[in-house]
Amino acid sequence: MSFLGFLLLGLIAGAIAKLILPGKQGGGWFVTLMLGVVGALLGGWLGGMLFGANLAEFWSLQSWLLAIGGSIIVLLIYGLIVGRGDRSRA
């Protein structure tokens, strides 16, 4: 998959992960989409290491599930980090 294809996959995966996760993570849509790209990279890396996943195809269900899963993980971690900062100020 090309870099632009992977970038597009990450952007869409970030938006889907935002819809799946309950609550408000903050940061707006731009931050969510950028975290989605990071999550897609994380999901692809973990999928390749743990499952030997081949992420060469853009329309592969495996690629999409790993990208969305990685995006959810990154959004959860971001929510924990940002959530702690808000509680300490109050």
N, C-alpha and C. Protein backbone atom coordinates (compact mmCIF):
# COMPACT_ATOMS: atom_id res chain seq x y z
N MET A 1 0.85 -1.17 0.00
CA MET A 1 0.00 0.00 0.00
C MET A 1 0.90 1.23 0.00
N SER A 2 0.52 2.23 -0.75
CA SER A 2 1.31 3.45 -0.82
C SER A 2 1.17 4.27 0.46
N PHE A 3 2.04 5.25 0.62
CA PHE A 3 1.99 6.10 1.80
C PHE A 3 0.68 6.88 1.85
N LEU A 4 0.23 7.39 0.71
CA LEU A 4 -1.04 8.13 0.67
C LEU A 4 -2.23 7.23 1.00
N GLY A 5 -2.18 6.00 0.54
CA GLY A 5 -3.23 5.04 0.88
C GLY A 5 -3.26 4.75 2.37
N PHE A 6 -2.08 4.60 2.96
CA PHE A 6 -2.00 4.34 4.39
C PHE A 6 -2.45 5.55 5.19
N LEU A 7 -2.13 6.75 4.71
CA LEU A 7 -2.58 7.98 5.36
C LEU A 7 -4.10 8.09 5.32
N LEU A 8 -4.69 7.80 4.18
CA LEU A 8 -6.15 7.83 4.05
C LEU A 8 -6.79 6.78 4.94
N LEU A 9 -6.22 5.60 4.98
CA LEU A 9 -6.72 4.55 5.86
C LEU A 9 -6.68 4.99 7.32
N GLY A 10 -5.60 5.63 7.73
CA GLY A 10 -5.48 6.11 9.11
C GLY A 10 -6.48 7.19 9.44
N LEU A 11 -6.72 8.10 8.50
CA LEU A 11 -7.69 9.16 8.73
C LEU A 11 -9.09 8.61 8.91
N ILE A 12 -9.46 7.67 8.06
CA ILE A 12 -10.80 7.06 8.16
C ILE A 12 -10.89 6.19 9.40
N ALA A 13 -9.84 5.45 9.71
CA ALA A 13 -9.84 4.60 10.91
C ALA A 13 -9.96 5.45 12.17
N GLY A 14 -9.33 6.61 12.20
CA GLY A 14 -9.44 7.51 13.35
C GLY A 14 -10.86 8.01 13.53
N ALA A 15 -11.52 8.35 12.43
CA ALA A 15 -12.91 8.81 12.51
C ALA A 15 -13.82 7.68 12.99
N ILE A 16 -13.61 6.47 12.51
CA ILE A 16 -14.42 5.32 12.95
C ILE A 16 -14.17 5.03 14.42
N ALA A 17 -12.90 5.08 14.85
CA ALA A 17 -12.57 4.84 16.25
C ALA A 17 -13.23 5.87 17.15
N LYS A 18 -13.28 7.13 16.69
CA LYS A 18 -13.92 8.19 17.47
C LYS A 18 -15.41 7.91 17.62
N LEU A 19 -16.03 7.37 16.58
CA LEU A 19 -17.45 7.03 16.65
C LEU A 19 -17.70 5.83 17.56
N ILE A 20 -16.76 4.90 17.61
CA ILE A 20 -16.91 3.69 18.42
C ILE A 20 -16.73 3.98 19.90
N LEU A 21 -15.75 4.83 20.24
CA LEU A 21 -15.45 5.10 21.64
C LEU A 21 -16.51 6.00 22.27
N PRO A 22 -17.02 5.60 23.42
CA PRO A 22 -17.98 6.45 24.11
C PRO A 22 -17.29 7.60 24.82
N GLY A 23 -18.03 8.64 25.11
CA GLY A 23 -17.48 9.75 25.88
C GLY A 23 -16.80 10.77 25.01
N LYS A 24 -16.23 11.77 25.67
CA LYS A 24 -15.59 12.86 24.96
C LYS A 24 -14.09 12.80 25.24
N GLN A 25 -13.30 12.55 24.21
CA GLN A 25 -11.85 12.50 24.36
C GLN A 25 -11.22 13.87 24.25
N GLY A 26 -11.91 14.82 23.69
CA GLY A 26 -11.35 16.16 23.51
C GLY A 26 -10.39 16.19 22.35
N GLY A 27 -9.87 17.36 22.08
CA GLY A 27 -8.87 17.49 21.02
C GLY A 27 -9.45 17.82 19.66
N GLY A 28 -10.71 17.66 19.45
CA GLY A 28 -11.31 17.98 18.16
C GLY A 28 -11.04 16.93 17.11
N TRP A 29 -11.59 17.19 15.93
CA TRP A 29 -11.49 16.20 14.85
C TRP A 29 -10.09 16.13 14.25
N PHE A 30 -9.38 17.24 14.19
CA PHE A 30 -8.05 17.20 13.61
C PHE A 30 -7.11 16.33 14.44
N VAL A 31 -7.14 16.50 15.75
CA VAL A 31 -6.31 15.69 16.64
C VAL A 31 -6.73 14.23 16.54
N THR A 32 -8.04 13.99 16.48
CA THR A 32 -8.54 12.61 16.37
C THR A 32 -8.05 11.96 15.09
N LEU A 33 -8.08 12.68 13.99
CA LEU A 33 -7.64 12.11 12.73
C LEU A 33 -6.13 11.85 12.73
N MET A 34 -5.37 12.76 13.32
CA MET A 34 -3.92 12.54 13.41
C MET A 34 -3.60 11.35 14.32
N LEU A 35 -4.35 11.23 15.41
CA LEU A 35 -4.17 10.07 16.28
C LEU A 35 -4.61 8.79 15.56
N GLY A 36 -5.56 8.91 14.67
CA GLY A 36 -5.97 7.76 13.86
C GLY A 36 -4.86 7.28 12.95
N VAL A 37 -4.11 8.21 12.38
CA VAL A 37 -2.97 7.83 11.54
C VAL A 37 -1.92 7.13 12.38
N VAL A 38 -1.64 7.68 13.56
CA VAL A 38 -0.68 7.05 14.47
C VAL A 38 -1.19 5.66 14.87
N GLY A 39 -2.50 5.57 15.14
CA GLY A 39 -3.10 4.28 15.50
C GLY A 39 -3.03 3.27 14.38
N ALA A 40 -3.21 3.73 13.16
CA ALA A 40 -3.10 2.81 12.02
C ALA A 40 -1.67 2.29 11.89
N LEU A 41 -0.71 3.16 12.11
CA LEU A 41 0.69 2.70 12.11
C LEU A 41 0.94 1.70 13.22
N LEU A 42 0.43 2.00 14.42
CA LEU A 42 0.59 1.09 15.55
C LEU A 42 -0.10 -0.25 15.27
N GLY A 43 -1.34 -0.19 14.78
CA GLY A 43 -2.07 -1.42 14.48
C GLY A 43 -1.38 -2.25 13.41
N GLY A 44 -0.86 -1.59 12.38
CA GLY A 44 -0.13 -2.31 11.33
C GLY A 44 1.15 -2.94 11.84
N TRP A 45 1.86 -2.20 12.68
CA TRP A 45 3.10 -2.71 13.24
C TRP A 45 2.83 -3.91 14.16
N LEU A 46 1.84 -3.76 15.07
CA LEU A 46 1.51 -4.87 15.97
C LEU A 46 0.96 -6.07 15.21
N GLY A 47 0.13 -5.80 14.22
CA GLY A 47 -0.42 -6.90 13.42
C GLY A 47 0.66 -7.65 12.67
N GLY A 48 1.63 -6.93 12.15
CA GLY A 48 2.73 -7.57 11.45
C GLY A 48 3.60 -8.39 12.38
N MET A 49 3.84 -7.84 13.58
CA MET A 49 4.70 -8.55 14.54
C MET A 49 4.00 -9.74 15.18
N LEU A 50 2.77 -9.55 15.64
CA LEU A 50 2.09 -10.60 16.38
C LEU A 50 1.42 -11.65 15.51
N PHE A 51 0.84 -11.21 14.39
CA PHE A 51 0.05 -12.13 13.57
C PHE A 51 0.64 -12.37 12.20
N GLY A 52 1.74 -11.71 11.86
CA GLY A 52 2.31 -11.86 10.53
C GLY A 52 1.38 -11.33 9.45
N ALA A 53 0.62 -10.27 9.79
CA ALA A 53 -0.37 -9.74 8.87
C ALA A 53 0.29 -9.07 7.68
N ASN A 54 -0.28 -9.28 6.51
CA ASN A 54 0.16 -8.63 5.28
C ASN A 54 -0.75 -7.43 5.04
N LEU A 55 -0.18 -6.23 5.12
CA LEU A 55 -0.98 -5.01 5.02
C LEU A 55 -0.80 -4.32 3.68
N ALA A 56 -0.55 -5.08 2.64
CA ALA A 56 -0.28 -4.50 1.33
C ALA A 56 -1.54 -4.05 0.62
N GLU A 57 -2.69 -4.56 0.98
CA GLU A 57 -3.94 -4.25 0.29
C GLU A 57 -4.75 -3.22 1.05
N PHE A 58 -5.20 -2.17 0.36
CA PHE A 58 -6.00 -1.12 0.98
C PHE A 58 -7.39 -1.64 1.35
N TRP A 59 -7.98 -2.44 0.52
CA TRP A 59 -9.36 -2.92 0.74
C TRP A 59 -9.42 -4.21 1.53
N SER A 60 -8.34 -4.62 2.14
CA SER A 60 -8.32 -5.83 2.95
C SER A 60 -9.01 -5.59 4.29
N LEU A 61 -9.90 -6.47 4.67
CA LEU A 61 -10.59 -6.35 5.96
C LEU A 61 -9.59 -6.39 7.10
N GLN A 62 -8.56 -7.20 6.97
CA GLN A 62 -7.52 -7.31 7.99
C GLN A 62 -6.82 -5.96 8.19
N SER A 63 -6.50 -5.26 7.13
CA SER A 63 -5.86 -3.95 7.23
C SER A 63 -6.76 -2.96 7.96
N TRP A 64 -8.03 -2.96 7.62
CA TRP A 64 -8.97 -2.03 8.23
C TRP A 64 -9.17 -2.33 9.72
N LEU A 65 -9.31 -3.60 10.06
CA LEU A 65 -9.53 -3.95 11.47
C LEU A 65 -8.30 -3.61 12.32
N LEU A 66 -7.12 -3.87 11.80
CA LEU A 66 -5.90 -3.53 12.54
C LEU A 66 -5.75 -2.02 12.69
N ALA A 67 -6.07 -1.26 11.65
CA ALA A 67 -5.98 0.19 11.71
C ALA A 67 -6.98 0.77 12.71
N ILE A 68 -8.20 0.27 12.68
CA ILE A 68 -9.22 0.75 13.62
C ILE A 68 -8.86 0.35 15.05
N GLY A 69 -8.40 -0.89 15.24
CA GLY A 69 -7.99 -1.33 16.57
C GLY A 69 -6.83 -0.50 17.12
N GLY A 70 -5.84 -0.23 16.28
CA GLY A 70 -4.73 0.61 16.71
C GLY A 70 -5.18 2.02 17.03
N SER A 71 -6.12 2.54 16.26
CA SER A 71 -6.65 3.89 16.52
C SER A 71 -7.40 3.95 17.83
N ILE A 72 -8.15 2.92 18.14
CA ILE A 72 -8.87 2.87 19.42
C ILE A 72 -7.87 2.86 20.57
N ILE A 73 -6.81 2.07 20.44
CA ILE A 73 -5.79 2.01 21.50
C ILE A 73 -5.15 3.39 21.70
N VAL A 74 -4.78 4.05 20.61
CA VAL A 74 -4.14 5.35 20.72
C VAL A 74 -5.11 6.39 21.29
N LEU A 75 -6.38 6.36 20.89
CA LEU A 75 -7.36 7.30 21.43
C LEU A 75 -7.61 7.06 22.92
N LEU A 76 -7.60 5.80 23.34
CA LEU A 76 -7.76 5.51 24.77
C LEU A 76 -6.58 6.04 25.58
N ILE A 77 -5.38 5.83 25.08
CA ILE A 77 -4.19 6.33 25.77
C ILE A 77 -4.22 7.86 25.81
N TYR A 78 -4.57 8.49 24.70
CA TYR A 78 -4.67 9.95 24.66
C TYR A 78 -5.73 10.44 25.66
N GLY A 79 -6.86 9.75 25.75
CA GLY A 79 -7.90 10.13 26.70
C GLY A 79 -7.42 10.02 28.14
N LEU A 80 -6.63 9.01 28.44
CA LEU A 80 -6.09 8.86 29.79
C LEU A 80 -5.11 9.99 30.12
N ILE A 81 -4.27 10.34 29.18
CA ILE A 81 -3.27 11.39 29.41
C ILE A 81 -3.96 12.75 29.56
N VAL A 82 -4.85 13.07 28.66
CA VAL A 82 -5.54 14.36 28.70
C VAL A 82 -6.49 14.41 29.90
N GLY A 83 -7.13 13.30 30.23
CA GLY A 83 -8.05 13.26 31.37
C GLY A 83 -7.34 13.52 32.68
N ARG A 84 -6.14 13.02 32.84
CA ARG A 84 -5.37 13.27 34.07
C ARG A 84 -5.02 14.73 34.22
N GLY A 85 -4.67 15.37 33.11
CA GLY A 85 -4.32 16.78 33.16
C GLY A 85 -5.50 17.64 33.57
N ASP A 86 -6.70 17.30 33.13
CA ASP A 86 -7.89 18.08 33.50
C ASP A 86 -8.23 17.91 34.96
N ARG A 87 -8.08 16.72 35.51
CA ARG A 87 -8.42 16.47 36.91
C ARG A 87 -7.45 17.16 37.86
N SER A 88 -6.19 17.28 37.47
CA SER A 88 -5.21 17.88 38.37
C SER A 88 -5.39 19.40 38.48
N ARG A 89 -6.00 20.01 37.49
CA ARG A 89 -6.22 21.46 37.51
C ARG A 89 -7.44 21.83 38.32
N ALA A 90 -8.37 20.93 38.50
CA ALA A 90 -9.63 21.27 39.19
C ALA A 90 -9.48 21.24 40.69
